Amino acid sequence: MYRDRKIGVVIPAYKEELLIVPTLESVPDFVDRIYAVDDASPDKTGRLIDDYSAKDRRIVPIHHVKNTGVGGAIISGYKQALSDRMDIVSVMAGDNQMDPAFLPELLDPVVEGSVDYSVGNRLINEKFRQGMSKWRFVGNSVLTLLTKIASGYWQLMDPQNGYTAISKRALETISLDEIYPRYGYCNDLLVWLNTFGFRVRNVPHPARYGLERSGIKYSTYIVRLSWLLLNAFIWRMKMKYIILSFHPLVFFYISGVFFTFVSILFGLYALWFKFIMNNSIFVPAVVSVILFALGVQFMLFAMLFDMQEENKGAWYG
């Protein structure tokens, strides 16, 4: 146990035959259960997990018949951890990228009850980002901005970081079966946590890269995840600010989108009015600018209200 709490660690693994054993060996002694999830790997990953479980009785092997994605593998671990009554569940990737020395720093805020979910932050300074390519940093930064808007955690950085710890209370509240199962699960999970008012904290730690290779192609991943985040954002607005509670920021967002869309139409009309009809562009152009400014102002007010709600803290349960 760690500070009188039962700790579980979920290790999702897909094609990690080179690194899964070093990862399992690195898990600290205070961890009570290690949920090693083989996500239908075609290599020896599953066999190595089973072999090592004979040496370490804390290991609970979980084997997927069909590949479900990293999110799906983590959800399987979460469910088993809840069944085993773990108080806090952390996630460490199967590629040995996450330094176990920083696990207590993730656990402490959850143990103390100040937050229900802690997530690592590698983007806070250049020293911590050593080893991260510039392209990966830019991709993470873009996704951080989009996730801030979608999730409502405006102070959060590095949401793509999979090194996390979550309380049993949070896991019991959210609908695990509805979490997005592949890359993007961490972003979707944040939306669920914010909707039900759970506190989240960043824990700075340095990036650690070695033999692992990221499977994310940011050129396509950002586009795909943007659509996921848009849908998650709309769902959060509906659930948090209409169904579970009420806040006028929803109308500010709707008004902002409406005026911005109309301003674009007026801008196109202004171009048609000028170059096709050969008339003065001044009046329609001014109307377009005014409408665009109104749209942006409405959305900025909505974001401000959303930030204020984040600071109020957890209310659910």
Protein backbone atom coordinates (compact mmCIF):
# COMPACT_ATOMS: atom_id res chain seq x y z
CA MET A 1 0.00 0.00 0.00
CA TYR A 2 0.97 3.63 -0.46
CA ARG A 3 -0.04 5.96 2.38
CA ASP A 4 -2.80 3.53 3.43
CA ARG A 5 -4.24 3.36 -0.09
CA LYS A 6 -4.44 0.30 -2.32
CA ILE A 7 -2.67 1.20 -5.56
CA GLY A 8 -3.20 -0.42 -8.94
CA VAL A 9 -1.18 0.22 -12.08
CA VAL A 10 -2.57 -0.45 -15.55
CA ILE A 11 0.02 -1.23 -18.23
CA PRO A 12 -1.46 -1.34 -21.75
CA ALA A 13 0.79 -3.18 -24.20
CA TYR A 14 0.66 -3.81 -27.93
CA LYS A 15 3.68 -5.27 -29.71
CA GLU A 16 6.00 -4.44 -26.80
CA GLU A 17 8.03 -7.66 -26.60
CA LEU A 18 11.28 -5.69 -26.26
CA LEU A 19 10.14 -3.40 -23.46
CA ILE A 20 7.29 -5.03 -21.54
CA VAL A 21 9.52 -6.96 -19.12
CA PRO A 22 11.68 -3.92 -18.20
CA THR A 23 8.42 -2.00 -17.67
CA LEU A 24 7.01 -4.66 -15.34
CA GLU A 25 10.31 -4.84 -13.46
CA SER A 26 10.27 -1.08 -12.88
CA VAL A 27 6.93 -0.90 -11.05
CA PRO A 28 7.57 0.16 -7.42
CA ASP A 29 7.08 -2.30 -4.57
CA PHE A 30 4.31 -0.24 -2.95
CA VAL A 31 1.96 -1.01 -5.87
CA ASP A 32 -0.58 -3.69 -4.89
CA ARG A 33 -1.75 -4.85 -8.33
CA ILE A 34 -0.28 -4.56 -11.81
CA TYR A 35 -2.84 -4.99 -14.60
CA ALA A 36 -0.78 -5.90 -17.67
CA VAL A 37 -3.12 -5.76 -20.66
CA ASP A 38 -2.01 -7.50 -23.85
CA ASP A 39 -4.14 -5.85 -26.53
CA ALA A 40 -4.08 -8.82 -28.94
CA SER A 41 -0.39 -8.41 -29.76
CA PRO A 42 0.81 -10.58 -32.67
CA ASP A 43 4.30 -10.91 -31.10
CA LYS A 44 5.45 -12.40 -27.78
CA THR A 45 4.08 -9.61 -25.57
CA GLY A 46 1.28 -11.72 -24.08
CA ARG A 47 3.54 -14.71 -23.41
CA LEU A 48 6.15 -12.52 -21.71
CA ILE A 49 3.46 -11.04 -19.45
CA ASP A 50 2.30 -14.50 -18.44
CA ASP A 51 5.85 -15.70 -17.82
CA TYR A 52 6.71 -12.70 -15.66
CA SER A 53 3.46 -13.00 -13.67
CA ALA A 54 4.84 -16.28 -12.29
CA LYS A 55 7.68 -14.25 -10.74
CA ASP A 56 5.59 -11.34 -9.50
CA ARG A 57 2.24 -12.27 -7.96
CA ARG A 58 1.05 -8.68 -8.15
CA ILE A 59 0.68 -9.00 -11.92
CA VAL A 60 -2.83 -9.66 -13.25
CA PRO A 61 -2.53 -10.63 -16.94
CA ILE A 62 -5.40 -9.49 -19.15
CA HIS A 63 -5.52 -10.72 -22.74
CA HIS A 64 -7.67 -9.24 -25.49
CA VAL A 65 -8.75 -11.54 -28.29
CA LYS A 66 -9.26 -8.52 -30.55
CA ASN A 67 -7.26 -5.31 -30.62
CA THR A 68 -9.28 -2.52 -29.01
CA GLY A 69 -6.76 0.31 -28.95
CA VAL A 70 -4.79 1.79 -26.08
CA GLY A 71 -7.91 3.31 -24.54
CA GLY A 72 -9.74 0.00 -24.69
CA ALA A 73 -6.80 -1.74 -23.00
CA ILE A 74 -6.72 0.85 -20.21
CA ILE A 75 -10.47 0.56 -19.67
CA SER A 76 -10.08 -3.22 -19.22
CA GLY A 77 -7.47 -2.54 -16.56
CA TYR A 78 -9.66 0.08 -14.88
CA LYS A 79 -12.59 -2.32 -14.67
CA GLN A 80 -10.49 -5.07 -13.10
CA ALA A 81 -9.00 -2.57 -10.65
CA LEU A 82 -12.48 -1.51 -9.56
CA SER A 83 -13.41 -5.16 -9.13
CA ASP A 84 -10.33 -5.59 -6.92
CA ARG A 85 -11.27 -2.48 -4.91
CA MET A 86 -8.17 -0.45 -5.68
CA ASP A 87 -8.32 3.05 -4.18
CA ILE A 88 -6.19 4.73 -6.85
CA VAL A 89 -5.27 3.47 -10.31
CA SER A 90 -2.31 4.74 -12.29
CA VAL A 91 -1.41 4.15 -15.93
CA MET A 92 2.10 3.43 -17.16
CA ALA A 93 2.72 2.65 -20.83
CA GLY A 94 4.18 -0.73 -21.74
CA ASP A 95 7.11 0.86 -23.58
CA ASN A 96 9.05 1.77 -20.40
CA GLN A 97 8.71 5.46 -21.23
CA MET A 98 7.29 6.49 -17.86
CA ASP A 99 9.77 6.87 -15.04
CA PRO A 100 8.43 5.05 -11.94
CA ALA A 101 10.35 7.44 -9.70
CA PHE A 102 7.67 10.06 -10.40
CA LEU A 103 4.73 7.81 -9.56
CA PRO A 104 4.46 9.08 -5.93
CA GLU A 105 4.16 12.64 -7.24
CA LEU A 106 1.14 11.59 -9.30
CA LEU A 107 -0.40 9.67 -6.42
CA ASP A 108 0.05 12.25 -3.66
CA PRO A 109 -2.58 14.80 -4.85
CA VAL A 110 -5.14 12.00 -5.22
CA VAL A 111 -4.25 10.43 -1.88
CA GLU A 112 -4.64 13.81 -0.18
CA GLY A 113 -8.06 14.29 -1.80
CA SER A 114 -7.20 17.61 -3.42
CA VAL A 115 -7.87 16.13 -6.88
CA ASP A 116 -9.39 13.00 -8.38
CA TYR A 117 -7.13 12.83 -11.43
CA SER A 118 -3.51 13.77 -11.88
CA VAL A 119 -1.72 13.81 -15.22
CA GLY A 120 1.93 14.31 -16.10
CA ASN A 121 3.17 17.43 -17.84
CA ARG A 122 6.24 17.26 -20.07
CA LEU A 123 5.65 20.60 -21.81
CA ILE A 124 6.26 22.96 -18.91
CA ASN A 125 9.89 23.75 -19.77
CA GLU A 126 12.59 22.93 -22.29
CA LYS A 127 14.53 20.75 -19.86
CA PHE A 128 11.56 18.43 -19.39
CA ARG A 129 10.99 18.29 -23.16
CA GLN A 130 14.49 17.03 -23.95
CA GLY A 131 14.23 14.14 -26.37
CA MET A 132 10.87 15.29 -27.74
CA SER A 133 11.02 16.24 -31.41
CA LYS A 134 9.88 19.73 -32.46
CA TRP A 135 7.13 18.23 -34.60
CA ARG A 136 5.86 16.21 -31.65
CA PHE A 137 5.97 19.28 -29.42
CA VAL A 138 4.00 21.37 -31.94
CA GLY A 139 1.44 18.57 -32.32
CA ASN A 140 1.06 18.27 -28.55
CA SER A 141 0.67 22.04 -28.22
CA VAL A 142 -2.12 22.17 -30.81
CA LEU A 143 -3.93 19.27 -29.15
CA THR A 144 -3.48 20.92 -25.75
CA LEU A 145 -5.32 24.03 -26.95
CA LEU A 146 -8.14 22.03 -28.52
CA THR A 147 -8.48 19.87 -25.40
CA LYS A 148 -8.63 22.93 -23.14
CA ILE A 149 -11.66 24.17 -25.07
CA ALA A 150 -13.35 20.77 -25.32
CA SER A 151 -12.74 19.61 -21.75
CA GLY A 152 -13.04 22.87 -19.83
CA TYR A 153 -9.74 22.27 -18.01
CA TRP A 154 -8.17 25.55 -19.05
CA GLN A 155 -5.14 25.26 -16.77
CA LEU A 156 -4.20 21.80 -18.05
CA MET A 157 -1.16 21.13 -20.23
CA ASP A 158 0.03 18.02 -22.08
CA PRO A 159 -3.31 16.13 -22.17
CA GLN A 160 -1.71 13.53 -24.47
CA ASN A 161 0.45 12.40 -21.57
CA GLY A 162 -0.61 8.89 -20.58
CA TYR A 163 1.13 8.93 -17.19
CA THR A 164 -1.87 9.43 -14.89
CA ALA A 165 -3.51 8.51 -11.60
CA ILE A 166 -7.26 8.45 -10.95
CA SER A 167 -9.40 7.89 -7.85
CA LYS A 168 -11.87 5.06 -7.39
CA ARG A 169 -14.61 7.65 -6.91
CA ALA A 170 -14.02 9.11 -10.37
CA LEU A 171 -13.83 5.67 -12.02
CA GLU A 172 -17.11 4.66 -10.39
CA THR A 173 -18.83 7.83 -11.59
CA ILE A 174 -17.94 8.05 -15.26
CA SER A 175 -19.20 5.59 -17.87
CA LEU A 176 -16.10 3.59 -18.76
CA ASP A 177 -17.79 1.77 -21.64
CA GLU A 178 -18.39 5.08 -23.43
CA ILE A 179 -14.79 6.34 -23.32
CA TYR A 180 -13.17 6.56 -26.76
CA PRO A 181 -11.08 3.36 -27.02
CA ARG A 182 -8.12 4.42 -29.18
CA TYR A 183 -5.64 7.30 -29.23
CA GLY A 184 -7.70 10.17 -27.91
CA TYR A 185 -9.05 8.27 -24.90
CA CYS A 186 -7.16 10.62 -22.55
CA ASN A 187 -8.80 13.68 -24.13
CA ASP A 188 -12.25 12.09 -23.99
CA LEU A 189 -11.72 11.04 -20.38
CA LEU A 190 -11.00 14.65 -19.42
CA VAL A 191 -14.33 15.72 -20.92
CA TRP A 192 -16.13 13.15 -18.76
CA LEU A 193 -14.26 14.21 -15.63
CA ASN A 194 -15.04 17.90 -16.15
CA THR A 195 -18.70 17.20 -16.86
CA PHE A 196 -19.07 15.66 -13.41
CA GLY A 197 -16.98 18.33 -11.69
CA PHE A 198 -13.82 16.42 -10.78
CA ARG A 199 -10.63 18.31 -10.05
CA VAL A 200 -7.57 17.65 -12.20
CA ARG A 201 -3.94 18.59 -11.62
CA ASN A 202 -0.81 18.62 -13.76
CA VAL A 203 2.35 17.06 -12.30
CA PRO A 204 5.53 18.20 -14.08
CA HIS A 205 8.00 15.49 -15.02
CA PRO A 206 10.66 15.10 -17.72
CA ALA A 207 9.99 13.19 -20.91
CA ARG A 208 11.81 9.89 -21.19
CA TYR A 209 12.38 8.36 -24.61
CA GLY A 210 14.35 5.28 -25.51
CA LEU A 211 13.68 2.38 -27.85
CA GLU A 212 9.94 3.04 -28.15
CA ARG A 213 8.46 4.53 -31.32
CA SER A 214 5.30 6.61 -31.25
CA GLY A 215 2.49 5.24 -33.41
CA ILE A 216 0.86 8.67 -33.73
CA LYS A 217 0.97 10.44 -37.10
CA TYR A 218 0.10 13.99 -36.11
CA SER A 219 -0.77 15.11 -39.65
CA THR A 220 -3.86 12.87 -39.64
CA TYR A 221 -4.26 12.40 -35.89
CA ILE A 222 -4.97 16.08 -35.18
CA VAL A 223 -7.70 16.18 -37.83
CA ARG A 224 -9.34 12.98 -36.54
CA LEU A 225 -9.08 14.03 -32.90
CA SER A 226 -10.46 17.50 -33.67
CA TRP A 227 -13.72 15.92 -34.78
CA LEU A 228 -13.80 13.78 -31.63
CA LEU A 229 -13.17 16.84 -29.45
CA LEU A 230 -15.88 18.85 -31.21
CA ASN A 231 -18.45 16.16 -30.51
CA ALA A 232 -17.18 15.80 -26.93
CA PHE A 233 -17.40 19.57 -26.42
CA ILE A 234 -21.03 19.67 -27.62
CA TRP A 235 -21.87 16.73 -25.34
CA ARG A 236 -20.24 18.46 -22.34
CA MET A 237 -22.18 21.68 -22.96
CA LYS A 238 -25.44 19.74 -23.10
CA MET A 239 -24.77 17.54 -20.07
CA LYS A 240 -23.00 19.95 -17.73
CA TYR A 241 -24.75 23.23 -18.51
CA ILE A 242 -28.24 22.12 -19.58
CA ILE A 243 -29.12 18.69 -18.16
CA LEU A 244 -27.13 18.39 -14.91
CA SER A 245 -27.17 22.12 -14.22
CA PHE A 246 -27.75 25.35 -16.11
CA HIS A 247 -25.47 28.16 -17.16
CA PRO A 248 -26.08 30.89 -19.78
CA LEU A 249 -22.62 30.34 -21.27
CA VAL A 250 -24.30 27.84 -23.60
CA PHE A 251 -26.20 30.73 -25.21
CA PHE A 252 -22.99 32.74 -25.44
CA TYR A 253 -21.34 29.89 -27.35
CA ILE A 254 -24.38 29.47 -29.63
CA SER A 255 -24.53 33.21 -30.30
CA GLY A 256 -20.79 33.31 -30.96
CA VAL A 257 -20.98 30.51 -33.52
CA PHE A 258 -24.05 32.07 -35.15
CA PHE A 259 -22.60 35.57 -35.54
CA THR A 260 -19.25 34.21 -36.73
CA PHE A 261 -20.96 32.06 -39.36
CA VAL A 262 -23.13 34.96 -40.55
CA SER A 263 -20.06 37.22 -40.71
CA ILE A 264 -18.38 34.77 -43.08
CA LEU A 265 -21.48 34.78 -45.29
CA PHE A 266 -21.47 38.59 -45.32
CA GLY A 267 -17.77 38.55 -46.16
CA LEU A 268 -18.44 36.33 -49.17
CA TYR A 269 -21.34 38.57 -50.13
CA ALA A 270 -19.05 41.60 -49.89
CA LEU A 271 -16.61 40.00 -52.34
CA TRP A 272 -19.47 39.13 -54.71
CA PHE A 273 -20.89 42.65 -54.34
CA LYS A 274 -17.50 44.14 -55.24
CA PHE A 275 -16.08 41.92 -57.96
CA ILE A 276 -19.26 40.61 -59.62
CA MET A 277 -21.67 43.50 -59.20
CA ASN A 278 -18.87 46.11 -59.35
CA ASN A 279 -20.28 48.05 -56.40
CA SER A 280 -18.68 49.53 -53.31
CA ILE A 281 -17.52 46.93 -50.79
CA PHE A 282 -17.57 49.30 -47.83
CA VAL A 283 -21.01 48.65 -46.29
CA PRO A 284 -21.12 44.83 -46.53
CA ALA A 285 -17.47 44.63 -45.45
CA VAL A 286 -18.16 46.75 -42.35
CA VAL A 287 -21.21 44.63 -41.49
CA SER A 288 -19.09 41.49 -41.86
CA VAL A 289 -16.40 42.83 -39.53
CA ILE A 290 -18.94 43.93 -36.91
CA LEU A 291 -20.67 40.54 -36.94
CA PHE A 292 -17.31 38.74 -36.69
CA ALA A 293 -16.29 40.90 -33.72
CA LEU A 294 -19.59 40.14 -32.00
CA GLY A 295 -19.13 36.41 -32.60
CA VAL A 296 -15.61 36.41 -31.17
CA GLN A 297 -16.73 38.48 -28.17
CA PHE A 298 -19.57 36.09 -27.37
CA MET A 299 -17.25 33.06 -27.54
CA LEU A 300 -14.61 34.74 -25.38
CA PHE A 301 -17.24 35.48 -22.73
CA ALA A 302 -18.37 31.84 -22.88
CA MET A 303 -14.79 30.65 -22.38
CA LEU A 304 -14.37 33.03 -19.45
CA PHE A 305 -17.48 31.64 -17.75
CA ASP A 306 -16.21 28.11 -18.39
CA MET A 307 -12.90 28.98 -16.72
CA GLN A 308 -14.76 30.28 -13.68
CA GLU A 309 -16.69 27.02 -13.42
CA GLU A 310 -13.41 25.06 -13.46
CA ASN A 311 -12.17 26.98 -10.43
CA LYS A 312 -15.28 26.15 -8.40
CA GLY A 313 -14.12 22.55 -7.98
CA ALA A 314 -15.90 19.26 -7.70
CA TRP A 315 -19.59 19.22 -6.88
CA TYR A 316 -20.64 15.72 -7.85
CA GLY A 317 -21.07 13.10 -5.13
